[in-house]
């Protein structure tokens, strides 16, 4: 009698388990539970569909930017103009297809402004004050690009509190040594390192 009662209880439990498991049989339920306990491999994304994120993608822009910064620090509008033209070319050479969606968004938001500012610098070799105005805007754009795309070298974001009617402006440097591009020989060490990029 105990065996009959026990068998009936087991069958009722199994039947209830089958109904709560979407109609699976007890064997399917046991197999399913065993499968769930094993680690299942996570399907990998198609390598062709996933963009390859490269480090140092902003390097092509950084090199002429640093030349521009140095030219302005030396009050050399001609060399600054040449570097401005190189920045325009470097912006055009960014492999947009290799960017992640977030990187592409930053690039799309910044690239046209950066190009316009670099063009102004490139077209005004004899107007260094005009170059410096556009350099301030270009520096903010380059900082965004470096942050989003990465660079293979250590860079610093420096800050000049005096430029732009004491509103201040940043610039990017490869060195902690301050060489102010906004005032050149007038105030060569005005400014401070704001952060490391």
N, C-alpha and C. Protein backbone atom coordinates (compact mmCIF):
# COMPACT_ATOMS: atom_id res chain seq x y z
N UNK A 1 0.82 -1.18 0.00
CA UNK A 1 0.00 0.00 0.00
C UNK A 1 0.87 1.25 0.00
N UNK A 2 1.93 1.22 0.83
CA UNK A 2 2.84 2.36 0.86
C UNK A 2 3.47 2.56 -0.52
N UNK A 3 3.87 1.44 -1.18
CA UNK A 3 4.48 1.54 -2.49
C UNK A 3 3.52 2.13 -3.52
N UNK A 4 2.26 1.77 -3.47
CA UNK A 4 1.27 2.29 -4.40
C UNK A 4 1.08 3.78 -4.15
N UNK A 5 0.97 4.17 -2.89
CA UNK A 5 0.79 5.58 -2.55
C UNK A 5 2.01 6.40 -2.97
N UNK A 6 3.20 5.85 -2.70
CA UNK A 6 4.44 6.52 -3.07
C UNK A 6 4.56 6.64 -4.59
N UNK A 7 4.22 5.59 -5.34
CA UNK A 7 4.27 5.63 -6.80
C UNK A 7 3.30 6.66 -7.35
N UNK A 8 2.11 6.73 -6.77
CA UNK A 8 1.11 7.69 -7.21
C UNK A 8 1.60 9.11 -6.95
N UNK A 9 2.24 9.34 -5.80
CA UNK A 9 2.75 10.67 -5.47
C UNK A 9 3.86 11.10 -6.42
N UNK A 10 4.75 10.15 -6.76
CA UNK A 10 5.83 10.45 -7.70
C UNK A 10 5.27 10.77 -9.08
N UNK A 11 4.30 9.98 -9.53
CA UNK A 11 3.69 10.22 -10.84
C UNK A 11 2.98 11.57 -10.88
N UNK A 12 2.29 11.95 -9.80
CA UNK A 12 1.60 13.24 -9.74
C UNK A 12 2.61 14.38 -9.79
N UNK A 13 3.74 14.22 -9.09
CA UNK A 13 4.79 15.24 -9.09
C UNK A 13 5.40 15.39 -10.48
N UNK A 14 5.67 14.23 -11.12
CA UNK A 14 6.23 14.28 -12.47
C UNK A 14 5.26 14.90 -13.46
N UNK A 15 3.97 14.56 -13.34
CA UNK A 15 2.95 15.12 -14.23
C UNK A 15 2.87 16.64 -14.04
N UNK A 16 2.90 17.10 -12.80
CA UNK A 16 2.87 18.54 -12.52
C UNK A 16 4.12 19.22 -13.06
N UNK A 17 5.25 18.54 -12.94
CA UNK A 17 6.50 19.10 -13.46
C UNK A 17 6.46 19.20 -14.97
N UNK A 18 5.87 18.21 -15.62
CA UNK A 18 5.76 18.24 -17.09
C UNK A 18 4.91 19.40 -17.54
N UNK A 19 3.80 19.64 -16.84
CA UNK A 19 2.91 20.72 -17.22
C UNK A 19 3.56 22.08 -16.99
N UNK A 20 4.35 22.22 -15.93
CA UNK A 20 5.00 23.50 -15.66
C UNK A 20 6.22 23.71 -16.55
N UNK A 21 6.71 22.67 -17.22
CA UNK A 21 7.86 22.78 -18.11
C UNK A 21 7.43 22.81 -19.57
N UNK A 22 6.24 23.33 -19.83
CA UNK A 22 5.80 23.49 -21.21
C UNK A 22 5.50 22.17 -21.89
N UNK A 23 5.05 21.17 -21.14
CA UNK A 23 4.67 19.91 -21.74
C UNK A 23 5.82 18.97 -22.00
N UNK A 24 6.99 19.23 -21.47
CA UNK A 24 8.14 18.35 -21.66
C UNK A 24 7.95 17.09 -20.84
N UNK A 25 8.45 16.00 -21.33
CA UNK A 25 8.41 14.75 -20.59
C UNK A 25 9.43 14.81 -19.48
N UNK A 26 9.33 13.93 -18.48
CA UNK A 26 10.33 13.92 -17.41
C UNK A 26 11.73 13.74 -17.93
N UNK A 27 11.90 12.91 -18.98
CA UNK A 27 13.23 12.71 -19.54
C UNK A 27 13.76 14.00 -20.16
N UNK A 28 12.85 14.73 -20.87
CA UNK A 28 13.26 15.99 -21.48
C UNK A 28 13.61 17.02 -20.40
N UNK A 29 12.84 17.00 -19.31
CA UNK A 29 13.09 17.95 -18.22
C UNK A 29 14.45 17.68 -17.60
N UNK A 30 14.76 16.40 -17.36
CA UNK A 30 16.05 16.05 -16.77
C UNK A 30 17.18 16.42 -17.73
N UNK A 31 17.00 16.11 -19.02
CA UNK A 31 18.01 16.45 -20.02
C UNK A 31 18.18 17.96 -20.10
N UNK A 32 17.06 18.68 -20.09
CA UNK A 32 17.11 20.14 -20.17
C UNK A 32 17.83 20.71 -18.96
N UNK A 33 17.55 20.20 -17.78
CA UNK A 33 18.21 20.69 -16.56
C UNK A 33 19.70 20.40 -16.60
N UNK A 34 20.07 19.25 -17.11
CA UNK A 34 21.49 18.91 -17.19
C UNK A 34 22.19 19.82 -18.19
N UNK A 35 21.52 20.13 -19.28
CA UNK A 35 22.10 21.02 -20.29
C UNK A 35 22.28 22.43 -19.75
N UNK A 36 21.29 22.90 -18.96
CA UNK A 36 21.36 24.25 -18.41
C UNK A 36 22.53 24.41 -17.44
N UNK A 37 22.90 23.33 -16.77
CA UNK A 37 24.00 23.41 -15.82
C UNK A 37 25.35 23.43 -16.49
N UNK A 38 25.42 23.00 -17.74
CA UNK A 38 26.68 23.05 -18.47
C UNK A 38 26.87 24.43 -19.04
N UNK A 39 28.12 24.84 -19.17
CA UNK A 39 28.40 26.13 -19.79
C UNK A 39 28.17 26.03 -21.28
N UNK A 40 27.33 26.91 -21.77
CA UNK A 40 27.10 26.93 -23.21
C UNK A 40 27.93 28.05 -23.80
N UNK A 41 28.57 27.79 -24.91
CA UNK A 41 29.40 28.82 -25.50
C UNK A 41 28.55 29.98 -25.99
N UNK A 42 29.04 31.19 -25.77
CA UNK A 42 28.36 32.38 -26.24
C UNK A 42 28.66 32.52 -27.72
N UNK A 43 27.61 32.67 -28.51
CA UNK A 43 27.89 32.78 -29.94
C UNK A 43 28.68 34.05 -30.23
N UNK A 44 29.70 33.91 -31.03
CA UNK A 44 30.53 35.07 -31.35
C UNK A 44 29.92 35.83 -32.50
N UNK A 45 30.16 37.15 -32.51
CA UNK A 45 29.66 37.98 -33.60
C UNK A 45 30.49 37.70 -34.84
N UNK A 46 29.87 37.87 -35.94
CA UNK A 46 30.56 37.69 -37.21
C UNK A 46 31.71 38.68 -37.27
N UNK A 47 32.92 38.20 -37.45
CA UNK A 47 34.11 39.06 -37.45
C UNK A 47 34.05 40.10 -38.56
N UNK A 48 33.41 39.78 -39.66
CA UNK A 48 33.33 40.74 -40.76
C UNK A 48 32.38 41.88 -40.42
N UNK A 49 31.36 41.60 -39.60
CA UNK A 49 30.38 42.62 -39.26
C UNK A 49 30.88 43.53 -38.13
N UNK A 50 31.75 43.03 -37.29
CA UNK A 50 32.24 43.81 -36.16
C UNK A 50 33.43 44.66 -36.58
N UNK A 51 33.37 45.98 -36.30
CA UNK A 51 34.51 46.82 -36.66
C UNK A 51 35.72 46.50 -35.80
N UNK A 52 36.86 46.54 -36.39
CA UNK A 52 38.10 46.30 -35.67
C UNK A 52 38.52 47.63 -35.05
N UNK A 53 38.63 47.64 -33.74
CA UNK A 53 39.02 48.87 -33.05
C UNK A 53 40.53 48.90 -32.97
N UNK A 54 41.10 49.91 -33.57
CA UNK A 54 42.56 50.05 -33.57
C UNK A 54 42.93 51.14 -32.57
N UNK A 55 44.01 50.93 -31.88
CA UNK A 55 44.50 51.99 -31.01
C UNK A 55 45.37 52.92 -31.83
N UNK A 56 45.41 54.14 -31.44
CA UNK A 56 46.26 55.09 -32.15
C UNK A 56 45.67 55.60 -33.44
N UNK A 57 44.36 55.54 -33.59
CA UNK A 57 43.75 55.98 -34.84
C UNK A 57 43.83 57.49 -35.02
N UNK A 58 44.07 58.23 -33.95
CA UNK A 58 44.19 59.68 -34.06
C UNK A 58 45.62 60.12 -34.34
N UNK A 59 46.57 59.18 -34.44
CA UNK A 59 47.98 59.53 -34.62
C UNK A 59 48.22 60.40 -35.85
N UNK A 60 47.52 60.12 -36.93
CA UNK A 60 47.70 60.90 -38.16
C UNK A 60 47.34 62.36 -37.99
N UNK A 61 46.42 62.65 -37.10
CA UNK A 61 46.01 64.03 -36.81
C UNK A 61 46.94 64.65 -35.77
N UNK A 62 47.35 63.84 -34.80
CA UNK A 62 48.16 64.35 -33.69
C UNK A 62 49.50 64.88 -34.17
N UNK A 63 50.14 64.18 -35.09
CA UNK A 63 51.48 64.60 -35.54
C UNK A 63 51.48 66.01 -36.12
N UNK A 64 50.64 66.33 -37.12
CA UNK A 64 50.65 67.71 -37.61
C UNK A 64 50.09 68.71 -36.60
N UNK A 65 49.19 68.26 -35.73
CA UNK A 65 48.68 69.16 -34.69
C UNK A 65 49.82 69.61 -33.78
N UNK A 66 50.67 68.66 -33.37
CA UNK A 66 51.79 69.02 -32.50
C UNK A 66 52.77 69.95 -33.22
N UNK A 67 52.95 69.75 -34.53
CA UNK A 67 53.79 70.67 -35.31
C UNK A 67 53.17 72.06 -35.33
N UNK A 68 51.86 72.11 -35.45
CA UNK A 68 51.14 73.39 -35.43
C UNK A 68 51.32 74.08 -34.09
N UNK A 69 51.14 73.32 -33.02
CA UNK A 69 51.30 73.86 -31.67
C UNK A 69 52.70 74.45 -31.48
N UNK A 70 53.72 73.71 -31.92
CA UNK A 70 55.09 74.18 -31.78
C UNK A 70 55.35 75.43 -32.63
N UNK A 71 54.78 75.47 -33.83
CA UNK A 71 54.96 76.64 -34.70
C UNK A 71 54.35 77.88 -34.06
N UNK A 72 53.16 77.74 -33.50
CA UNK A 72 52.53 78.89 -32.85
C UNK A 72 53.29 79.32 -31.60
N UNK A 73 53.84 78.36 -30.86
CA UNK A 73 54.64 78.69 -29.68
C UNK A 73 55.89 79.46 -30.06
N UNK A 74 56.37 79.26 -31.31
CA UNK A 74 57.55 79.97 -31.81
C UNK A 74 57.17 81.19 -32.65
N UNK A 75 55.87 81.56 -32.65
CA UNK A 75 55.38 82.71 -33.41
C UNK A 75 55.64 82.55 -34.91
N UNK A 76 55.56 81.33 -35.43
CA UNK A 76 55.86 81.06 -36.83
C UNK A 76 54.56 80.72 -37.58
N UNK A 77 53.94 81.75 -38.15
CA UNK A 77 52.68 81.59 -38.86
C UNK A 77 52.80 80.76 -40.13
N UNK A 78 53.94 80.83 -40.79
CA UNK A 78 54.14 80.07 -42.03
C UNK A 78 54.14 78.56 -41.75
N UNK A 79 54.93 78.14 -40.76
CA UNK A 79 54.96 76.72 -40.41
C UNK A 79 53.61 76.26 -39.85
N UNK A 80 52.95 77.15 -39.13
CA UNK A 80 51.61 76.84 -38.60
C UNK A 80 50.65 76.58 -39.75
N UNK A 81 50.73 77.40 -40.79
CA UNK A 81 49.86 77.23 -41.96
C UNK A 81 50.11 75.88 -42.63
N UNK A 82 51.36 75.52 -42.77
CA UNK A 82 51.70 74.22 -43.37
C UNK A 82 51.13 73.06 -42.56
N UNK A 83 51.23 73.15 -41.23
CA UNK A 83 50.70 72.10 -40.36
C UNK A 83 49.17 72.06 -40.42
N UNK A 84 48.55 73.23 -40.56
CA UNK A 84 47.10 73.28 -40.69
C UNK A 84 46.63 72.52 -41.92
N UNK A 85 47.35 72.69 -43.03
CA UNK A 85 47.02 71.97 -44.26
C UNK A 85 47.23 70.46 -44.10
N UNK A 86 48.25 70.08 -43.35
CA UNK A 86 48.47 68.65 -43.09
C UNK A 86 47.35 68.05 -42.24
N UNK A 87 46.80 68.83 -41.33
CA UNK A 87 45.69 68.35 -40.50
C UNK A 87 44.46 68.10 -41.37
N UNK A 88 44.20 68.99 -42.32
CA UNK A 88 43.07 68.80 -43.24
C UNK A 88 43.22 67.47 -43.97
N UNK A 89 44.42 67.20 -44.47
CA UNK A 89 44.68 65.93 -45.18
C UNK A 89 44.53 64.74 -44.24
N UNK A 90 45.02 64.87 -43.01
CA UNK A 90 44.95 63.76 -42.05
C UNK A 90 43.50 63.43 -41.69
N UNK A 91 42.67 64.46 -41.56
CA UNK A 91 41.26 64.22 -41.27
C UNK A 91 40.58 63.45 -42.39
N UNK A 92 40.96 63.75 -43.62
CA UNK A 92 40.39 63.06 -44.77
C UNK A 92 40.86 61.61 -44.86
N UNK A 93 41.99 61.30 -44.24
CA UNK A 93 42.55 59.95 -44.31
C UNK A 93 42.12 59.01 -43.19
N UNK A 94 41.28 59.47 -42.27
CA UNK A 94 40.79 58.60 -41.21
C UNK A 94 39.93 57.50 -41.85
N UNK A 95 40.19 56.26 -41.48
CA UNK A 95 39.43 55.12 -41.99
C UNK A 95 38.12 55.02 -41.21
N UNK A 96 37.10 55.72 -41.69
CA UNK A 96 35.82 55.80 -41.00
C UNK A 96 35.17 54.43 -40.86
N UNK A 97 35.40 53.54 -41.82
CA UNK A 97 34.80 52.20 -41.77
C UNK A 97 35.35 51.37 -40.61
N UNK A 98 36.52 51.71 -40.13
CA UNK A 98 37.13 50.96 -39.03
C UNK A 98 36.69 51.45 -37.65
N UNK A 99 35.90 52.52 -37.61
CA UNK A 99 35.48 53.10 -36.34
C UNK A 99 34.29 52.35 -35.76
N UNK A 100 34.22 52.30 -34.45
CA UNK A 100 33.03 51.77 -33.78
C UNK A 100 31.93 52.81 -33.94
N UNK A 101 30.68 52.45 -33.68
CA UNK A 101 29.60 53.45 -33.77
C UNK A 101 29.85 54.68 -32.88
N UNK A 102 30.35 54.48 -31.68
CA UNK A 102 30.62 55.61 -30.78
C UNK A 102 31.75 56.49 -31.33
N UNK A 103 32.80 55.85 -31.85
CA UNK A 103 33.90 56.62 -32.43
C UNK A 103 33.43 57.39 -33.67
N UNK A 104 32.61 56.75 -34.48
CA UNK A 104 32.12 57.40 -35.70
C UNK A 104 31.25 58.61 -35.34
N UNK A 105 30.44 58.47 -34.29
CA UNK A 105 29.60 59.60 -33.87
C UNK A 105 30.47 60.79 -33.48
N UNK A 106 31.50 60.53 -32.67
CA UNK A 106 32.41 61.62 -32.28
C UNK A 106 33.08 62.21 -33.51
N UNK A 107 33.57 61.34 -34.39
CA UNK A 107 34.23 61.82 -35.61
C UNK A 107 33.27 62.68 -36.44
N UNK A 108 32.04 62.20 -36.63
CA UNK A 108 31.06 62.95 -37.41
C UNK A 108 30.73 64.30 -36.76
N UNK A 109 30.67 64.31 -35.42
CA UNK A 109 30.35 65.55 -34.69
C UNK A 109 31.48 66.58 -34.78
N UNK A 110 32.71 66.11 -34.88
CA UNK A 110 33.88 66.98 -34.73
C UNK A 110 34.62 67.27 -36.04
N UNK A 111 34.65 66.33 -36.95
CA UNK A 111 35.54 66.41 -38.12
C UNK A 111 35.34 67.65 -38.98
N UNK A 112 34.10 68.02 -39.26
CA UNK A 112 33.89 69.17 -40.16
C UNK A 112 34.35 70.47 -39.50
N UNK A 113 34.11 70.63 -38.20
CA UNK A 113 34.60 71.82 -37.49
C UNK A 113 36.12 71.84 -37.44
N UNK A 114 36.71 70.68 -37.15
CA UNK A 114 38.18 70.60 -37.10
C UNK A 114 38.77 70.95 -38.46
N UNK A 115 38.17 70.44 -39.52
CA UNK A 115 38.65 70.73 -40.88
C UNK A 115 38.56 72.23 -41.17
N UNK A 116 37.43 72.82 -40.83
CA UNK A 116 37.25 74.26 -41.07
C UNK A 116 38.29 75.08 -40.32
N UNK A 117 38.53 74.74 -39.06
CA UNK A 117 39.53 75.48 -38.27
C UNK A 117 40.94 75.28 -38.82
N UNK A 118 41.25 74.05 -39.22
CA UNK A 118 42.57 73.78 -39.80
C UNK A 118 42.74 74.52 -41.13
N UNK A 119 41.68 74.62 -41.92
CA UNK A 119 41.74 75.37 -43.18
C UNK A 119 42.01 76.85 -42.93
N UNK A 120 41.34 77.42 -41.92
CA UNK A 120 41.58 78.83 -41.58
C UNK A 120 43.04 79.04 -41.20
N UNK A 121 43.59 78.12 -40.43
CA UNK A 121 44.99 78.22 -40.03
C UNK A 121 45.89 78.11 -41.25
N UNK A 122 45.57 77.17 -42.14
CA UNK A 122 46.37 76.95 -43.33
C UNK A 122 46.33 78.10 -44.32
N UNK A 123 45.22 78.82 -44.34
CA UNK A 123 45.05 79.91 -45.32
C UNK A 123 45.48 81.28 -44.80
N UNK A 124 45.98 81.35 -43.58
CA UNK A 124 46.30 82.65 -42.98
C UNK A 124 47.69 82.69 -42.36
N UNK A 125 48.70 82.36 -43.16
CA UNK A 125 50.08 82.32 -42.67
C UNK A 125 50.55 83.67 -42.13
N UNK A 126 49.98 84.74 -42.64
CA UNK A 126 50.43 86.08 -42.23
C UNK A 126 49.55 86.70 -41.13
N UNK A 127 48.61 85.92 -40.59
CA UNK A 127 47.71 86.43 -39.54
C UNK A 127 47.74 85.47 -38.35
N UNK A 128 48.79 85.55 -37.59
CA UNK A 128 48.98 84.59 -36.50
C UNK A 128 47.90 84.72 -35.41
N UNK A 129 47.39 85.90 -35.18
CA UNK A 129 46.33 86.04 -34.17
C UNK A 129 45.07 85.30 -34.63
N UNK A 130 44.78 85.36 -35.93
CA UNK A 130 43.65 84.63 -36.49
C UNK A 130 43.90 83.12 -36.40
N UNK A 131 45.12 82.70 -36.66
CA UNK A 131 45.47 81.28 -36.53
C UNK A 131 45.25 80.81 -35.09
N UNK A 132 45.65 81.64 -34.15
CA UNK A 132 45.52 81.26 -32.74
C UNK A 132 44.05 81.15 -32.31
N UNK A 133 43.20 82.01 -32.83
CA UNK A 133 41.77 81.91 -32.53
C UNK A 133 41.23 80.56 -32.99
N UNK A 134 41.59 80.17 -34.20
CA UNK A 134 41.11 78.88 -34.74
C UNK A 134 41.83 77.70 -34.08
N UNK A 135 43.04 77.92 -33.62
CA UNK A 135 43.76 76.87 -32.91
C UNK A 135 43.04 76.50 -31.61
N UNK A 136 42.46 77.48 -30.93
CA UNK A 136 41.72 77.21 -29.70
C UNK A 136 40.55 76.27 -29.97
N UNK A 137 39.81 76.54 -31.04
CA UNK A 137 38.67 75.67 -31.38
C UNK A 137 39.14 74.31 -31.89
N UNK A 138 40.20 74.32 -32.68
CA UNK A 138 40.77 73.08 -33.20
C UNK A 138 41.28 72.20 -32.05
N UNK A 139 41.87 72.81 -31.04
CA UNK A 139 42.40 72.04 -29.90
C UNK A 139 41.30 71.29 -29.18
N UNK A 140 40.13 71.91 -29.00
CA UNK A 140 39.00 71.21 -28.37
C UNK A 140 38.56 70.03 -29.23
N UNK A 141 38.54 70.23 -30.55
CA UNK A 141 38.17 69.14 -31.46
C UNK A 141 39.19 68.00 -31.41
N UNK A 142 40.45 68.34 -31.42
CA UNK A 142 41.51 67.32 -31.38
C UNK A 142 41.46 66.56 -30.06
N UNK A 143 41.18 67.24 -28.97
CA UNK A 143 41.06 66.57 -27.67
C UNK A 143 39.94 65.54 -27.72
N UNK A 144 38.81 65.90 -28.34
CA UNK A 144 37.70 64.95 -28.48
C UNK A 144 38.09 63.76 -29.34
N UNK A 145 38.79 64.02 -30.44
CA UNK A 145 39.21 62.94 -31.33
C UNK A 145 40.21 62.00 -30.65
N UNK A 146 41.15 62.57 -29.93
CA UNK A 146 42.14 61.76 -29.23
C UNK A 146 41.46 60.88 -28.18
N UNK A 147 40.51 61.44 -27.46
CA UNK A 147 39.79 60.68 -26.45
C UNK A 147 38.99 59.55 -27.09
N UNK A 148 38.34 59.82 -28.21
CA UNK A 148 37.49 58.81 -28.86
C UNK A 148 38.29 57.78 -29.66
N UNK A 149 39.30 58.22 -30.40
CA UNK A 149 40.00 57.32 -31.32
C UNK A 149 41.27 56.72 -30.73
N UNK A 150 41.83 57.37 -29.73
CA UNK A 150 43.05 56.86 -29.12
C UNK A 150 44.30 57.30 -29.87
N UNK A 151 45.39 57.25 -29.18
CA UNK A 151 46.69 57.61 -29.74
C UNK A 151 47.74 56.67 -29.16
N UNK A 152 48.82 56.50 -29.88
CA UNK A 152 49.86 55.58 -29.42
C UNK A 152 50.87 56.27 -28.50
N UNK A 153 50.72 57.55 -28.27
CA UNK A 153 51.68 58.25 -27.40
C UNK A 153 50.95 58.93 -26.26
N UNK A 154 51.69 59.20 -25.21
CA UNK A 154 51.14 59.90 -24.05
C UNK A 154 51.01 61.37 -24.40
N UNK A 155 49.83 61.92 -24.14
CA UNK A 155 49.58 63.33 -24.41
C UNK A 155 49.01 64.00 -23.17
N UNK A 156 49.13 65.32 -23.15
CA UNK A 156 48.64 66.11 -22.03
C UNK A 156 47.73 67.20 -22.56
N UNK A 157 46.70 67.48 -21.80
CA UNK A 157 45.85 68.62 -22.11
C UNK A 157 46.29 69.76 -21.21
N UNK A 158 46.78 70.82 -21.84
CA UNK A 158 47.26 71.99 -21.11
C UNK A 158 46.22 73.09 -21.19
N UNK A 159 46.34 74.05 -20.29
CA UNK A 159 45.34 75.13 -20.20
C UNK A 159 46.01 76.47 -20.01
N UNK A 160 45.61 77.42 -20.85
CA UNK A 160 46.07 78.81 -20.71
C UNK A 160 44.90 79.63 -20.19
N UNK A 161 44.99 80.16 -18.98
CA UNK A 161 43.87 80.91 -18.40
C UNK A 161 43.71 82.32 -18.97
N UNK A 162 44.71 82.82 -19.66
CA UNK A 162 44.69 84.21 -20.13
C UNK A 162 44.03 84.39 -21.50
N UNK A 163 44.09 83.37 -22.34
CA UNK A 163 43.62 83.51 -23.71
C UNK A 163 42.10 83.70 -23.77
N UNK A 164 41.65 84.36 -24.84
CA UNK A 164 40.23 84.58 -25.10
C UNK A 164 39.58 85.41 -23.99
N UNK A 165 40.17 86.60 -23.75
CA UNK A 165 39.67 87.52 -22.72
C UNK A 165 39.55 86.85 -21.36
N UNK A 166 40.56 86.09 -21.01
CA UNK A 166 40.68 85.39 -19.72
C UNK A 166 39.60 84.32 -19.52
N UNK A 167 38.99 83.86 -20.61
CA UNK A 167 38.09 82.70 -20.53
C UNK A 167 38.90 81.41 -20.57
N UNK A 168 40.09 81.51 -21.14
CA UNK A 168 40.99 80.38 -21.19
C UNK A 168 40.78 79.51 -22.41
N UNK A 169 41.76 78.68 -22.68
CA UNK A 169 41.70 77.73 -23.80
C UNK A 169 42.68 76.60 -23.54
N UNK A 170 42.34 75.43 -24.07
CA UNK A 170 43.22 74.27 -23.92
C UNK A 170 44.08 74.10 -25.15
N UNK A 171 45.11 73.28 -25.01
CA UNK A 171 45.86 72.76 -26.14
C UNK A 171 46.41 71.41 -25.75
N UNK A 172 46.80 70.63 -26.73
CA UNK A 172 47.33 69.29 -26.51
C UNK A 172 48.84 69.33 -26.68
N UNK A 173 49.55 68.64 -25.79
CA UNK A 173 51.01 68.62 -25.85
C UNK A 173 51.51 67.21 -25.60
N UNK A 174 52.69 66.93 -26.11
CA UNK A 174 53.34 65.64 -25.87
C UNK A 174 54.26 65.69 -24.66
N UNK A 175 54.36 66.87 -24.04
CA UNK A 175 55.29 67.07 -22.94
C UNK A 175 54.60 67.82 -21.80
N UNK A 176 55.06 67.58 -20.58
CA UNK A 176 54.53 68.33 -19.44
C UNK A 176 55.08 69.76 -19.40
N UNK A 177 56.13 69.99 -20.16
CA UNK A 177 56.73 71.34 -20.21
C UNK A 177 55.78 72.28 -20.95
N UNK A 178 55.49 73.41 -20.34
CA UNK A 178 54.57 74.37 -20.94
C UNK A 178 55.30 75.23 -21.97
N UNK A 179 54.77 75.20 -23.19
CA UNK A 179 55.21 76.08 -24.28
C UNK A 179 53.94 76.63 -24.90
N UNK A 180 53.53 77.79 -24.43
CA UNK A 180 52.23 78.35 -24.75
C UNK A 180 52.11 78.76 -26.23
N UNK A 181 51.19 78.12 -26.98
CA UNK A 181 51.00 78.47 -28.38
C UNK A 181 50.12 79.70 -28.59
N UNK A 182 49.43 80.13 -27.54
CA UNK A 182 48.53 81.28 -27.67
C UNK A 182 49.25 82.62 -27.55
N UNK A 183 50.35 82.63 -26.81
CA UNK A 183 51.09 83.87 -26.63
C UNK A 183 52.53 83.79 -27.10
N UNK A 184 52.99 82.61 -27.43
CA UNK A 184 54.34 82.47 -27.98
C UNK A 184 55.40 83.09 -27.10
N UNK A 185 56.23 83.92 -27.71
CA UNK A 185 57.37 84.52 -27.00
C UNK A 185 56.94 85.55 -25.96
N UNK A 186 55.71 86.05 -26.02
CA UNK A 186 55.24 87.04 -25.04
C UNK A 186 55.04 86.40 -23.66
N UNK A 187 54.47 85.20 -23.64
CA UNK A 187 54.25 84.48 -22.37
C UNK A 187 54.46 82.98 -22.62
N UNK A 188 55.70 82.58 -22.82
CA UNK A 188 55.96 81.19 -23.24
C UNK A 188 55.59 80.12 -22.22
N UNK A 189 55.59 80.44 -20.93
CA UNK A 189 55.32 79.43 -19.91
C UNK A 189 53.98 79.64 -19.21
N UNK A 190 53.14 80.49 -19.78
CA UNK A 190 51.82 80.73 -19.18
C UNK A 190 50.94 79.49 -19.41
N UNK A 191 50.44 78.92 -18.34
CA UNK A 191 49.55 77.78 -18.45
C UNK A 191 49.96 76.66 -17.52
N UNK A 192 49.16 75.60 -17.55
CA UNK A 192 49.42 74.44 -16.70
C UNK A 192 48.86 73.18 -17.35
N UNK A 193 49.38 72.05 -16.88
CA UNK A 193 48.86 70.77 -17.36
C UNK A 193 47.53 70.53 -16.65
N UNK A 194 46.51 70.32 -17.45
CA UNK A 194 45.17 70.09 -16.90
C UNK A 194 44.94 68.61 -16.63
N UNK A 195 45.30 67.76 -17.60
CA UNK A 195 45.14 66.32 -17.41
C UNK A 195 45.95 65.55 -18.43
N UNK A 196 46.11 64.27 -18.17
CA UNK A 196 46.80 63.38 -19.11
C UNK A 196 45.74 62.69 -19.96
N UNK A 197 45.98 62.64 -21.25
CA UNK A 197 45.04 61.98 -22.16
C UNK A 197 45.46 60.54 -22.39
